[in-house]
Amino acid sequence: MFYERFTFRLIFKLLFINALGWLLIYLILKTKLWFTIAGLSFILITSVYTLYSYINQIRSDIKRFILAIKTRDHTLNFKNKSTKGSFPDLYNSFDDIIKTHKDIQLEQDAMFQLIRTILQQVPVGVIVVKDVKDDAEQMEIAFFNEAAATLLNVPAYKYWHRLKQHLPVFTAEIAHIRKGGKRFLELKIQDKLIQLSTEVIPLNLYGADYTIISFQNIKDEIEQKEIEAWNRLIGVISHEILNSITPISSLSDTVNSMVANKEYLNKEDLEDLKPALQTIKRRSEGLLGFVKDYRLIAELPTPELEFHSIGGILQHIHVLMQPFAAAKNIRLQVGQTSSKITVNVDLKLVEQALINLVTNSIYSLEDTENPLIEIDYRLEQNKLFIDVADNGKGIEPEVLEKIFVPFFTTRKNGSGIGLTITRNIMKMHYGSLEVSSVPGEKTIFSLVFNYV
């Protein structure tokens, strides 16, 4: 092995130098052989210098190897020394390490190019910013793909402050979610309005802070969804209006035929007119109530946000809804009312949303054995969920897609606006309303809030 050869040569040189040293001392003290002493002195100095050069050469090779690894210099090789030197196995190991390091680097470069190519081709804008703690003006843009340049109609800038000068509105909105989050942006670029769904992800790599900004134009998707929503809404409104207008129109014709060509009405005529007029009045009031419900959906107040504890919200809804549930012989179970976790909400609107969900659960529990409603909260991935669960009849999959359409209802005498109002309340809180149901087993409606 190389270390055995090295050890042998080192011991031999040290013994030889020591022997020369002792011999030289003996000659100086005991004899007058000055030419011999001079010759031995020269040999001793040469041997010490040779040993120093030998060790220094090895140290220099190790230093070159370490420097090559640090600087990723893969051109260095030790082929000659691996065959002729004192450390063939060591130098072979150096070559193997450099080759392996080179292969790893090539693989990483290939993967980087693959990811870069993919990011250049995707229709989502991606900007990666390398943060500089002391100088925000010099924050470097590490990556700026073609989709980002196209969506924002800017060149692929190298520094963040250049983009900030060109698009101050965009960069200001990004600053609001710099620590991570999602945001919906509307930008006007060259007289064209674009709507961006934007997400920011902070990342730390090898001691450097990066910010990944991804965004895509969802204007076309939103417009398509709006058209679909309007079509559904118009269909429901048309259905409700026709249901009211058709009997009113028919009865109006009947009344008109009864009074046509008559100068006065007798008692029998009046008795015949009363049911028709009462029906017209009832259907007119129904139509008026329908319009009032529509206005209720469209005119929700702007939320007045304050911090409230989840425990307080749950306790309050328990007090509000317990009498109603008890009257229907339903067990209302509310958990974690002592929780001190706070959320920034409009308490009145959130209570209204919970009242709507609990009311729906109460009606869904009709004819259910051991009816139970459970209200609780949970935290998952920066989201806070307030769940309202019941063991009622549940919601069929084909109905699940329609329950948020305004005025759609499966309940007798239901208005069909409760869930629509609840979802609008959650949208005003930048949250959402989620539902999952297993018919005949369990249904869960969840108010989902952002919780950072």
Protein backbone atom coordinates (compact mmCIF):
# COMPACT_ATOMS: atom_id res chain seq x y z
CA MET A 1 0.00 0.00 0.00
CA PHE A 2 1.08 3.59 -0.61
CA TYR A 3 1.27 4.46 3.08
CA GLU A 4 3.57 1.46 3.65
CA ARG A 5 5.96 2.67 0.91
CA PHE A 6 5.83 6.18 2.27
CA THR A 7 6.46 5.00 5.84
CA PHE A 8 9.36 2.82 4.76
CA ARG A 9 11.04 5.59 2.77
CA LEU A 10 10.44 8.14 5.53
CA ILE A 11 11.90 5.88 8.24
CA PHE A 12 14.87 5.02 6.04
CA LYS A 13 15.61 8.71 5.35
CA LEU A 14 15.25 9.65 9.03
CA LEU A 15 17.54 6.83 10.13
CA PHE A 16 20.06 7.77 7.48
CA ILE A 17 20.04 11.43 8.52
CA ASN A 18 20.34 10.50 12.21
CA ALA A 19 23.24 8.18 11.48
CA LEU A 20 25.01 10.88 9.49
CA GLY A 21 24.38 13.35 12.29
CA TRP A 22 25.83 11.08 14.98
CA LEU A 23 28.81 10.18 12.78
CA LEU A 24 29.46 13.86 12.03
CA ILE A 25 29.36 14.75 15.73
CA TYR A 26 31.76 11.90 16.50
CA LEU A 27 34.23 12.97 13.82
CA ILE A 28 34.12 16.60 14.96
CA LEU A 29 34.76 15.68 18.61
CA LYS A 30 37.24 12.83 18.20
CA THR A 31 39.14 13.43 14.95
CA LYS A 32 40.71 16.07 12.77
CA LEU A 33 39.49 14.67 9.44
CA TRP A 34 38.16 17.99 8.15
CA PHE A 35 37.72 16.91 4.54
CA THR A 36 35.68 13.91 5.69
CA ILE A 37 33.70 16.15 8.05
CA ALA A 38 33.02 18.61 5.21
CA GLY A 39 31.92 15.77 2.91
CA LEU A 40 29.60 14.31 5.53
CA SER A 41 28.18 17.76 6.28
CA PHE A 42 27.36 18.22 2.59
CA ILE A 43 25.72 14.79 2.43
CA LEU A 44 23.69 15.54 5.62
CA ILE A 45 22.46 18.88 4.29
CA THR A 46 21.57 17.27 0.96
CA SER A 47 19.66 14.49 2.73
CA VAL A 48 17.70 16.96 4.89
CA TYR A 49 16.87 19.06 1.83
CA THR A 50 15.81 15.93 -0.11
CA LEU A 51 13.51 14.89 2.77
CA TYR A 52 12.02 18.37 2.95
CA SER A 53 11.43 18.44 -0.82
CA TYR A 54 9.91 14.98 -0.69
CA ILE A 55 7.38 15.93 2.02
CA ASN A 56 6.77 19.39 0.54
CA GLN A 57 5.96 17.84 -2.88
CA ILE A 58 3.31 15.62 -1.30
CA ARG A 59 1.87 18.60 0.62
CA SER A 60 1.83 20.65 -2.60
CA ASP A 61 -0.01 17.88 -4.49
CA ILE A 62 -2.64 17.62 -1.75
CA LYS A 63 -3.03 21.39 -1.76
CA ARG A 64 -3.47 21.40 -5.59
CA PHE A 65 -6.06 18.63 -5.29
CA ILE A 66 -8.09 20.51 -2.64
CA LEU A 67 -7.90 23.72 -4.69
CA ALA A 68 -9.09 21.86 -7.80
CA ILE A 69 -12.11 20.51 -5.87
CA LYS A 70 -12.93 23.96 -4.48
CA THR A 71 -12.66 25.70 -7.85
CA ARG A 72 -14.25 22.80 -9.75
CA ASP A 73 -11.16 22.47 -11.93
CA HIS A 74 -11.60 19.08 -13.54
CA THR A 75 -8.53 19.36 -15.82
CA LEU A 76 -6.08 18.41 -13.05
CA ASN A 77 -4.85 14.82 -13.11
CA PHE A 78 -2.18 12.76 -11.35
CA LYS A 79 -1.69 9.99 -13.91
CA ASN A 80 2.10 10.30 -14.01
CA LYS A 81 2.47 10.35 -10.26
CA SER A 82 0.08 7.48 -9.80
CA THR A 83 2.54 5.26 -11.68
CA LYS A 84 5.89 6.78 -10.68
CA GLY A 85 5.31 8.42 -7.33
CA SER A 86 5.47 7.08 -3.82
CA PHE A 87 1.72 7.24 -3.40
CA PRO A 88 0.17 5.46 -6.40
CA ASP A 89 -3.07 4.59 -4.56
CA LEU A 90 -3.38 8.10 -3.17
CA TYR A 91 -2.95 9.73 -6.57
CA ASN A 92 -5.34 7.21 -8.13
CA SER A 93 -7.86 8.19 -5.47
CA PHE A 94 -7.31 11.86 -6.32
CA ASP A 95 -8.05 11.12 -9.99
CA ASP A 96 -11.16 9.10 -9.10
CA ILE A 97 -12.49 11.84 -6.83
CA ILE A 98 -11.92 14.50 -9.48
CA LYS A 99 -13.65 12.35 -12.10
CA THR A 100 -16.60 11.64 -9.77
CA HIS A 101 -16.83 15.31 -8.90
CA LYS A 102 -16.81 16.14 -12.61
CA ASP A 103 -19.59 13.61 -13.32
CA ILE A 104 -21.71 15.00 -10.48
CA GLN A 105 -21.17 18.53 -11.75
CA LEU A 106 -22.11 17.54 -15.31
CA GLU A 107 -25.23 15.78 -14.02
CA GLN A 108 -26.22 18.85 -11.97
CA ASP A 109 -25.62 21.13 -14.93
CA ALA A 110 -27.71 18.86 -17.16
CA MET A 111 -30.55 18.80 -14.60
CA PHE A 112 -30.31 22.59 -14.23
CA GLN A 113 -30.56 23.03 -17.99
CA LEU A 114 -33.50 20.62 -18.11
CA ILE A 115 -35.37 22.50 -15.38
CA ARG A 116 -34.49 25.83 -16.97
CA THR A 117 -35.77 24.62 -20.36
CA ILE A 118 -39.00 23.37 -18.78
CA LEU A 119 -39.54 26.67 -16.96
CA GLN A 120 -38.91 28.55 -20.19
CA GLN A 121 -41.61 26.53 -21.96
CA VAL A 122 -44.37 26.61 -19.34
CA PRO A 123 -47.07 29.29 -19.75
CA VAL A 124 -46.61 30.36 -16.12
CA GLY A 125 -44.42 33.39 -15.43
CA VAL A 126 -41.53 32.59 -13.06
CA ILE A 127 -39.14 35.11 -11.49
CA VAL A 128 -36.47 34.10 -8.97
CA VAL A 129 -34.98 36.95 -6.94
CA LYS A 130 -31.79 36.62 -4.88
CA ASP A 131 -32.25 38.78 -1.80
CA VAL A 132 -29.59 41.16 -0.54
CA LYS A 133 -30.12 42.07 3.10
CA ASP A 134 -28.32 45.40 3.23
CA ASP A 135 -29.06 46.78 -0.25
CA ALA A 136 -32.54 46.24 -1.68
CA GLU A 137 -31.55 48.16 -4.82
CA GLN A 138 -29.04 45.46 -5.73
CA MET A 139 -31.36 42.47 -5.39
CA GLU A 140 -30.44 40.25 -8.30
CA ILE A 141 -32.92 38.42 -10.51
CA ALA A 142 -31.50 34.91 -10.84
CA PHE A 143 -34.13 33.69 -13.29
CA PHE A 144 -36.70 35.41 -15.50
CA ASN A 145 -38.51 33.14 -17.94
CA GLU A 146 -40.05 34.08 -21.28
CA ALA A 147 -43.62 33.72 -20.03
CA ALA A 148 -42.91 36.32 -17.31
CA ALA A 149 -41.44 38.73 -19.84
CA THR A 150 -44.44 38.21 -22.16
CA LEU A 151 -47.11 38.54 -19.45
CA LEU A 152 -45.54 41.67 -17.96
CA ASN A 153 -44.39 43.00 -21.35
CA VAL A 154 -40.90 43.77 -20.05
CA PRO A 155 -37.38 42.54 -20.90
CA ALA A 156 -35.75 39.93 -18.67
CA TYR A 157 -34.25 42.37 -16.18
CA LYS A 158 -31.14 41.48 -14.19
CA TYR A 159 -31.96 43.56 -11.12
CA TRP A 160 -35.20 43.88 -9.14
CA HIS A 161 -35.07 47.68 -8.90
CA ARG A 162 -35.25 47.93 -12.70
CA LEU A 163 -38.47 45.91 -12.72
CA LYS A 164 -39.71 48.04 -9.81
CA GLN A 165 -39.19 51.21 -11.87
CA HIS A 166 -41.07 49.71 -14.82
CA LEU A 167 -43.92 48.02 -12.92
CA PRO A 168 -44.27 49.67 -9.48
CA VAL A 169 -47.81 48.31 -8.94
CA PHE A 170 -46.73 44.72 -9.53
CA THR A 171 -43.66 44.92 -7.28
CA ALA A 172 -45.65 46.70 -4.55
CA GLU A 173 -48.21 43.89 -4.51
CA ILE A 174 -45.43 41.30 -4.37
CA ALA A 175 -43.95 43.15 -1.37
CA HIS A 176 -47.20 42.53 0.55
CA ILE A 177 -46.72 38.76 0.33
CA ARG A 178 -42.92 38.74 0.39
CA LYS A 179 -42.86 36.19 3.22
CA GLY A 180 -45.02 33.79 1.25
CA GLY A 181 -48.62 33.61 0.11
CA LYS A 182 -51.02 34.03 -2.77
CA ARG A 183 -52.59 37.14 -4.22
CA PHE A 184 -54.90 38.08 -7.07
CA LEU A 185 -53.63 41.07 -9.08
CA GLU A 186 -55.15 43.22 -11.76
CA LEU A 187 -52.63 45.09 -13.89
CA LYS A 188 -53.08 47.39 -16.83
CA ILE A 189 -50.24 46.94 -19.30
CA GLN A 190 -50.30 49.02 -22.48
CA ASP A 191 -54.06 49.68 -22.11
CA LYS A 192 -54.71 45.94 -21.69
CA LEU A 193 -56.10 44.62 -18.41
CA ILE A 194 -54.62 41.34 -17.19
CA GLN A 195 -55.64 39.38 -14.11
CA LEU A 196 -52.83 37.47 -12.45
CA SER A 197 -53.00 34.67 -9.92
CA THR A 198 -49.71 35.18 -8.08
CA GLU A 199 -47.84 33.07 -5.52
CA VAL A 200 -44.64 33.90 -3.65
CA ILE A 201 -42.42 31.25 -2.02
CA PRO A 202 -39.34 32.27 0.06
CA LEU A 203 -36.43 29.83 -0.05
CA ASN A 204 -33.01 29.54 1.56
CA LEU A 205 -30.30 27.69 -0.39
CA TYR A 206 -26.68 27.39 0.77
CA GLY A 207 -27.03 30.40 3.04
CA ALA A 208 -28.56 32.64 0.37
CA ASP A 209 -32.19 33.84 0.48
CA TYR A 210 -34.28 33.54 -2.67
CA THR A 211 -37.83 34.56 -3.51
CA ILE A 212 -39.70 32.53 -6.14
CA ILE A 213 -42.54 34.48 -7.78
CA SER A 214 -44.93 32.58 -10.05
CA PHE A 215 -47.98 34.03 -11.79
CA GLN A 216 -50.35 33.35 -14.65
CA ASN A 217 -53.03 35.27 -16.47
CA ILE A 218 -56.41 33.81 -15.50
CA LYS A 219 -58.54 36.46 -17.22
CA ASP A 220 -59.84 34.03 -19.87
CA GLU A 221 -60.62 31.35 -17.27
CA ILE A 222 -62.39 33.90 -15.05
CA GLU A 223 -64.44 35.18 -17.96
CA GLN A 224 -65.41 31.63 -18.89
CA LYS A 225 -66.41 30.86 -15.31
CA GLU A 226 -68.34 34.14 -15.11
CA ILE A 227 -70.25 33.24 -18.28
CA GLU A 228 -71.07 29.80 -16.87
CA ALA A 229 -72.13 31.32 -13.54
CA TRP A 230 -74.31 33.92 -15.27
CA ASN A 231 -75.91 31.23 -17.41
CA ARG A 232 -76.73 29.17 -14.33
CA LEU A 233 -77.99 32.23 -12.47
CA ILE A 234 -80.10 33.40 -15.41
CA GLY A 235 -81.54 29.90 -15.69
CA VAL A 236 -82.54 29.88 -12.02
CA ILE A 237 -83.90 33.45 -12.12
CA SER A 238 -85.83 32.71 -15.31
CA HIS A 239 -87.29 29.59 -13.71
CA GLU A 240 -88.38 31.46 -10.56
CA ILE A 241 -89.80 34.40 -12.49
CA LEU A 242 -91.69 32.15 -14.90
CA ASN A 243 -93.10 30.17 -12.00
CA SER A 244 -94.56 33.41 -10.65
CA ILE A 245 -95.42 35.21 -13.87
CA THR A 246 -97.19 32.27 -15.59
CA PRO A 247 -100.02 31.92 -13.02
CA ILE A 248 -100.25 35.70 -12.65
CA SER A 249 -100.62 36.07 -16.43
CA SER A 250 -103.15 33.21 -16.64
CA LEU A 251 -105.21 34.53 -13.75
CA SER A 252 -105.04 38.05 -15.15
CA ASP A 253 -106.58 36.73 -18.39
CA THR A 254 -109.26 34.96 -16.37
CA VAL A 255 -110.08 38.09 -14.38
CA ASN A 256 -110.09 40.16 -17.55
CA SER A 257 -112.56 37.76 -19.22
CA MET A 258 -114.78 37.85 -16.13
CA VAL A 259 -115.04 41.64 -16.05
CA ALA A 260 -114.96 42.29 -19.78
CA ASN A 261 -118.11 43.89 -21.17
CA LYS A 262 -119.62 44.17 -17.68
CA GLU A 263 -120.61 47.48 -16.18
CA TYR A 264 -121.01 46.05 -12.68
CA LEU A 265 -120.24 42.84 -10.79
CA ASN A 266 -122.69 40.85 -8.73
CA LYS A 267 -121.91 38.94 -5.54
CA GLU A 268 -121.18 35.69 -7.35
CA ASP A 269 -118.73 37.40 -9.69
CA LEU A 270 -116.93 38.94 -6.72
CA GLU A 271 -116.70 35.56 -5.01
CA ASP A 272 -115.17 34.10 -8.18
CA LEU A 273 -112.70 36.97 -8.42
CA LYS A 274 -111.40 36.70 -4.83
CA PRO A 275 -109.36 33.44 -5.23
CA ALA A 276 -107.81 34.70 -8.46
CA LEU A 277 -106.87 38.04 -6.91
CA GLN A 278 -105.52 36.36 -3.76
CA THR A 279 -103.37 34.05 -5.91
CA ILE A 280 -102.08 37.02 -7.91
CA LYS A 281 -101.27 38.81 -4.63
CA ARG A 282 -99.53 35.73 -3.18
CA ARG A 283 -97.42 35.12 -6.27
CA SER A 284 -96.57 38.83 -6.53
CA GLU A 285 -95.37 38.79 -2.92
CA GLY A 286 -93.35 35.66 -3.70
CA LEU A 287 -91.74 37.41 -6.67
CA LEU A 288 -91.04 40.46 -4.50
CA GLY A 289 -89.43 38.22 -1.86
CA PHE A 290 -87.31 36.61 -4.57
CA VAL A 291 -86.02 40.02 -5.66
CA LYS A 292 -85.28 40.96 -2.04
CA ASP A 293 -83.28 37.71 -1.62
CA TYR A 294 -81.28 38.55 -4.73
CA ARG A 295 -80.48 42.00 -3.35
CA LEU A 296 -79.42 40.38 -0.08
CA ILE A 297 -76.80 38.33 -1.96
CA ALA A 298 -75.54 41.30 -3.97
CA GLU A 299 -75.38 43.84 -1.14
CA LEU A 300 -73.35 42.20 1.62
CA PRO A 301 -71.63 44.85 3.80
CA THR A 302 -67.87 45.39 3.62
CA PRO A 303 -66.20 43.35 6.41
CA GLU A 304 -64.93 45.27 9.43
CA LEU A 305 -62.00 43.07 10.39
CA GLU A 306 -60.92 42.59 13.99
CA PHE A 307 -59.00 39.86 15.79
CA HIS A 308 -61.24 37.35 17.58
CA SER A 309 -60.37 34.09 19.29
CA ILE A 310 -61.63 30.90 17.70
CA GLY A 311 -62.80 29.71 21.10
CA GLY A 312 -64.95 32.83 21.50
CA ILE A 313 -66.50 32.40 18.05
CA LEU A 314 -67.33 28.74 18.72
CA GLN A 315 -68.75 29.52 22.16
CA HIS A 316 -70.94 32.26 20.74
CA ILE A 317 -72.38 30.10 17.95
CA HIS A 318 -73.09 27.39 20.51
CA VAL A 319 -75.12 29.81 22.61
CA LEU A 320 -76.98 31.07 19.52
CA MET A 321 -77.88 27.73 17.96
CA GLN A 322 -78.29 25.42 20.97
CA PRO A 323 -81.98 26.33 21.59
CA PHE A 324 -82.89 25.80 17.92
CA ALA A 325 -81.09 22.43 17.83
CA ALA A 326 -82.60 21.33 21.16
CA ALA A 327 -86.10 22.13 19.88
CA LYS A 328 -85.49 19.65 17.06
CA ASN A 329 -84.04 17.06 19.50
CA ILE A 330 -80.60 17.41 17.88
CA ARG A 331 -77.39 17.18 19.89
CA LEU A 332 -75.13 20.15 19.16
CA GLN A 333 -71.52 19.47 20.10
CA VAL A 334 -68.98 22.32 19.98
CA GLY A 335 -65.30 21.60 20.68
CA GLN A 336 -62.26 23.63 21.77
CA THR A 337 -64.21 26.67 22.99
CA SER A 338 -61.22 27.58 25.19
CA SER A 339 -58.87 28.05 22.22
CA LYS A 340 -56.91 31.33 22.25
CA ILE A 341 -55.93 31.17 18.57
CA THR A 342 -57.04 34.41 16.91
CA VAL A 343 -58.19 35.18 13.39
CA ASN A 344 -58.83 38.54 11.69
CA VAL A 345 -62.52 38.50 10.72
CA ASP A 346 -65.79 40.40 10.77
CA LEU A 347 -67.49 38.62 13.68
CA LYS A 348 -71.06 39.37 12.56
CA LEU A 349 -70.49 38.06 9.03
CA VAL A 350 -68.70 34.91 10.22
CA GLU A 351 -71.47 34.25 12.72
CA GLN A 352 -74.00 34.63 9.90
CA ALA A 353 -72.04 32.13 7.81
CA LEU A 354 -71.98 29.62 10.69
CA ILE A 355 -75.69 30.17 11.40
CA ASN A 356 -76.45 29.36 7.75
CA LEU A 357 -74.39 26.14 7.90
CA VAL A 358 -75.83 24.98 11.22
CA THR A 359 -79.37 25.75 10.01
CA ASN A 360 -78.79 23.66 6.88
CA SER A 361 -77.47 20.82 9.06
CA ILE A 362 -80.53 20.98 11.31
CA TYR A 363 -82.89 20.61 8.35
CA SER A 364 -80.77 17.83 6.83
CA LEU A 365 -81.14 15.82 10.06
CA GLU A 366 -84.90 15.38 9.75
CA ASP A 367 -85.86 11.70 10.13
CA THR A 368 -82.28 10.82 11.21
CA GLU A 369 -81.66 8.57 14.20
CA ASN A 370 -79.37 10.02 16.90
CA PRO A 371 -78.96 13.36 15.05
CA LEU A 372 -75.67 15.09 15.81
CA ILE A 373 -74.02 18.34 14.71
CA GLU A 374 -70.32 18.84 15.52
CA ILE A 375 -68.56 22.20 15.25
CA ASP A 376 -64.78 22.41 15.67
CA TYR A 377 -61.65 23.90 14.12
CA ARG A 378 -58.32 22.60 12.82
CA LEU A 379 -55.04 24.02 11.46
CA GLU A 380 -53.50 22.57 8.30
CA GLN A 381 -50.73 24.06 6.10
CA ASN A 382 -51.26 27.75 6.95
CA LYS A 383 -55.04 27.29 6.72
CA LEU A 384 -57.59 27.49 9.54
CA PHE A 385 -60.72 25.38 9.08
CA ILE A 386 -63.96 25.80 11.03
CA ASP A 387 -65.89 22.59 10.37
CA VAL A 388 -69.64 22.07 10.70
CA ALA A 389 -70.35 18.33 10.43
CA ASP A 390 -73.60 16.38 10.66
CA ASN A 391 -74.67 12.76 10.28
CA GLY A 392 -77.72 13.58 8.15
CA LYS A 393 -78.84 12.34 4.76
CA GLY A 394 -75.89 14.00 3.00
CA ILE A 395 -75.60 15.42 -0.52
CA GLU A 396 -75.64 13.35 -3.69
CA PRO A 397 -72.64 13.88 -6.05
CA GLU A 398 -74.82 15.25 -8.88
CA VAL A 399 -76.35 17.80 -6.49
CA LEU A 400 -72.99 18.76 -4.93
CA GLU A 401 -72.01 20.77 -8.03
CA LYS A 402 -75.21 22.86 -7.87
CA ILE A 403 -75.55 23.73 -4.19
CA PHE A 404 -73.67 27.05 -4.52
CA VAL A 405 -75.83 28.27 -7.42
CA PRO A 406 -78.02 31.12 -6.11
CA PHE A 407 -81.64 30.07 -5.38
CA PHE A 408 -80.92 26.38 -5.95
CA THR A 409 -82.35 24.37 -3.05
CA THR A 410 -83.43 20.81 -2.28
CA ARG A 411 -85.31 21.89 0.82
CA LYS A 412 -89.02 22.52 0.81
CA ASN A 413 -89.70 26.24 1.32
CA GLY A 414 -85.93 26.94 1.17
CA SER A 415 -84.69 30.18 -0.40
CA GLY A 416 -81.50 28.72 -1.88
CA ILE A 417 -79.38 31.73 -0.89
CA GLY A 418 -77.81 30.58 2.40
CA LEU A 419 -74.80 28.81 0.92
CA THR A 420 -74.34 31.53 -1.70
CA ILE A 421 -74.22 34.20 1.03
CA THR A 422 -71.86 32.03 3.12
CA ARG A 423 -69.45 31.55 0.22
CA ASN A 424 -69.55 35.28 -0.59
CA ILE A 425 -68.75 36.07 3.06
CA MET A 426 -65.71 33.78 2.88
CA LYS A 427 -64.56 35.35 -0.39
CA MET A 428 -64.73 38.76 1.31
CA HIS A 429 -62.38 37.32 3.95
CA TYR A 430 -60.01 36.01 1.21
CA GLY A 431 -61.01 32.50 2.24
CA SER A 432 -63.23 29.79 0.82
CA LEU A 433 -66.09 27.43 1.61
CA GLU A 434 -65.43 23.71 1.16
CA VAL A 435 -67.77 20.74 1.36
CA SER A 436 -67.40 16.98 1.48
CA SER A 437 -70.25 14.52 1.85
CA VAL A 438 -70.84 10.79 2.07
CA PRO A 439 -74.60 10.35 1.53
CA GLY A 440 -76.26 8.73 4.51
CA GLU A 441 -73.15 9.01 6.68
CA LYS A 442 -71.57 12.42 7.12
CA THR A 443 -71.42 15.90 5.59
CA ILE A 444 -68.80 18.51 6.46
CA PHE A 445 -68.91 22.18 5.47
CA SER A 446 -65.67 24.06 6.21
CA LEU A 447 -65.01 27.79 6.47
CA VAL A 448 -61.37 28.09 5.31
CA PHE A 449 -59.32 31.12 6.40
CA ASN A 450 -55.71 31.97 5.57
CA TYR A 451 -53.66 31.66 8.76
CA VAL A 452 -50.02 32.80 8.67
